């Protein structure tokens, strides 16, 4: 039996998208969410929060999603924490590149708020 998915570290720089995803994941999905507006903020928050899963926007000012994940992987306790990228760029080669960086899934934006939590749960279960 895989461990349940409860805590998600969510990194997204757009406040509107953040708000929609927060409702989708907390109210609809029942997850505990720690939302960060930047990769730097995520790197500061991750150890205290201890997420089961990392959900990352790809395109962000400053440190982007893939670079953020690379930095997170340098922290021993998060070496194998599953990560999902969210991006508007879902060309097959881009998706493959993100998967090669250790993502268990790549979700397209815009996403359906009503099915976001289920999609994440399904990815979690398929990869645990």
Protein backbone atom coordinates (compact mmCIF):
# COMPACT_ATOMS: atom_id res chain seq x y z
CA UNK A 1 0.00 0.00 0.00
CA UNK A 2 1.46 3.34 -0.99
CA UNK A 3 1.50 6.19 1.47
CA UNK A 4 -1.40 8.61 1.09
CA UNK A 5 -0.94 11.93 -0.64
CA UNK A 6 -1.72 14.73 1.81
CA UNK A 7 0.75 17.60 1.57
CA UNK A 8 1.52 19.40 -1.67
CA UNK A 9 4.09 22.16 -2.12
CA UNK A 10 2.67 24.31 -4.93
CA UNK A 11 4.91 26.80 -6.74
CA UNK A 12 3.16 29.27 -9.06
CA UNK A 13 3.91 32.95 -9.72
CA UNK A 14 0.48 33.96 -11.11
CA UNK A 15 -1.89 34.97 -8.26
CA UNK A 16 -5.06 34.13 -10.27
CA UNK A 17 -3.86 30.63 -11.14
CA UNK A 18 -2.63 30.17 -7.56
CA UNK A 19 -6.07 31.02 -6.17
CA UNK A 20 -7.93 28.67 -8.52
CA UNK A 21 -5.53 25.78 -7.90
CA UNK A 22 -5.67 26.39 -4.15
CA UNK A 23 -9.46 26.04 -4.13
CA UNK A 24 -9.27 23.01 -6.44
CA UNK A 25 -6.69 21.24 -4.29
CA UNK A 26 -7.81 22.23 -0.78
CA UNK A 27 -11.60 22.51 -1.04
CA UNK A 28 -12.21 19.92 -3.79
CA UNK A 29 -9.21 17.64 -3.25
CA UNK A 30 -8.86 17.87 0.53
CA UNK A 31 -5.08 18.32 0.37
CA UNK A 32 -2.93 20.41 2.68
CA UNK A 33 -1.29 22.98 0.44
CA UNK A 34 1.72 25.24 0.91
CA UNK A 35 1.67 27.81 -1.87
CA UNK A 36 4.84 29.63 -2.90
CA UNK A 37 5.10 32.43 -5.45
CA UNK A 38 8.67 31.68 -6.52
CA UNK A 39 11.32 29.00 -6.64
CA UNK A 40 13.31 30.81 -3.95
CA UNK A 41 10.28 30.88 -1.66
CA UNK A 42 9.74 27.15 -2.27
CA UNK A 43 13.35 26.35 -1.39
CA UNK A 44 12.98 28.26 1.88
CA UNK A 45 9.65 26.61 2.78
CA UNK A 46 10.15 22.99 1.73
CA UNK A 47 12.06 21.64 4.74
CA UNK A 48 9.58 23.01 7.29
CA UNK A 49 6.56 21.86 5.26
CA UNK A 50 7.81 18.39 4.22
CA UNK A 51 5.56 17.81 1.19
CA UNK A 52 4.52 14.42 -0.19
CA UNK A 53 4.44 15.94 -3.68
CA UNK A 54 5.84 19.04 -5.40
CA UNK A 55 3.66 20.81 -7.98
CA UNK A 56 5.65 23.32 -10.04
CA UNK A 57 4.88 25.91 -12.67
CA UNK A 58 7.52 25.69 -15.41
CA UNK A 59 7.77 29.35 -16.47
CA UNK A 60 8.48 31.69 -13.56
CA UNK A 61 10.57 34.84 -13.23
CA UNK A 62 13.89 34.33 -11.48
CA UNK A 63 14.39 30.63 -10.89
CA UNK A 64 12.09 28.58 -13.16
CA UNK A 65 10.33 25.31 -12.29
CA UNK A 66 12.97 22.90 -13.65
CA UNK A 67 15.77 24.84 -11.90
CA UNK A 68 13.75 24.89 -8.68
CA UNK A 69 13.33 21.10 -8.85
CA UNK A 70 17.06 20.70 -9.49
CA UNK A 71 17.80 22.71 -6.32
CA UNK A 72 15.19 20.77 -4.31
CA UNK A 73 16.86 17.49 -5.38
CA UNK A 74 20.05 18.68 -3.66
CA UNK A 75 18.23 18.44 -0.30
CA UNK A 76 18.65 14.77 0.74
CA UNK A 77 15.16 14.26 2.18
CA UNK A 78 13.54 15.47 -1.08
CA UNK A 79 15.75 13.52 -3.48
CA UNK A 80 12.87 11.23 -4.47
CA UNK A 81 9.81 13.35 -3.65
CA UNK A 82 7.48 13.07 -6.66
CA UNK A 83 7.13 16.24 -8.74
CA UNK A 84 4.53 17.35 -11.28
CA UNK A 85 5.07 20.24 -13.67
CA UNK A 86 2.27 22.52 -14.89
CA UNK A 87 2.83 24.37 -18.13
CA UNK A 88 1.13 25.91 -21.13
CA UNK A 89 3.90 24.41 -23.28
CA UNK A 90 2.86 20.82 -23.82
CA UNK A 91 4.60 19.90 -27.07
CA UNK A 92 5.71 16.26 -26.88
CA UNK A 93 9.43 17.13 -26.87
CA UNK A 94 8.93 19.67 -24.06
CA UNK A 95 6.91 17.15 -22.02
CA UNK A 96 9.65 14.53 -22.53
CA UNK A 97 12.31 17.02 -21.42
CA UNK A 98 10.37 17.76 -18.21
CA UNK A 99 9.84 14.05 -17.53
CA UNK A 100 13.58 13.51 -18.06
CA UNK A 101 14.16 16.03 -15.26
CA UNK A 102 12.25 13.80 -12.88
CA UNK A 103 8.59 14.77 -13.21
CA UNK A 104 6.06 11.97 -12.75
CA UNK A 105 3.54 14.00 -14.78
CA UNK A 106 3.24 17.16 -16.86
CA UNK A 107 -0.15 18.88 -16.69
CA UNK A 108 -1.29 21.43 -19.21
CA UNK A 109 -2.49 24.92 -18.39
CA UNK A 110 -5.16 26.04 -18.37
CA UNK A 111 -6.32 23.12 -16.21
CA UNK A 112 -9.83 22.09 -15.21
CA UNK A 113 -10.20 23.09 -11.54
CA UNK A 114 -12.85 20.43 -10.94
CA UNK A 115 -10.61 17.57 -12.08
CA UNK A 116 -7.19 18.88 -10.99
CA UNK A 117 -7.15 17.04 -7.64
CA UNK A 118 -8.25 13.76 -9.26
CA UNK A 119 -5.63 14.09 -11.99
CA UNK A 120 -2.91 14.63 -9.38
CA UNK A 121 -4.19 11.70 -7.25
CA UNK A 122 -4.18 9.43 -10.32
CA UNK A 123 -0.59 10.42 -11.19
CA UNK A 124 0.45 9.83 -7.58
CA UNK A 125 -1.16 6.37 -7.47
CA UNK A 126 0.27 5.37 -10.85
CA UNK A 127 3.79 6.25 -9.72
CA UNK A 128 3.86 5.03 -6.12
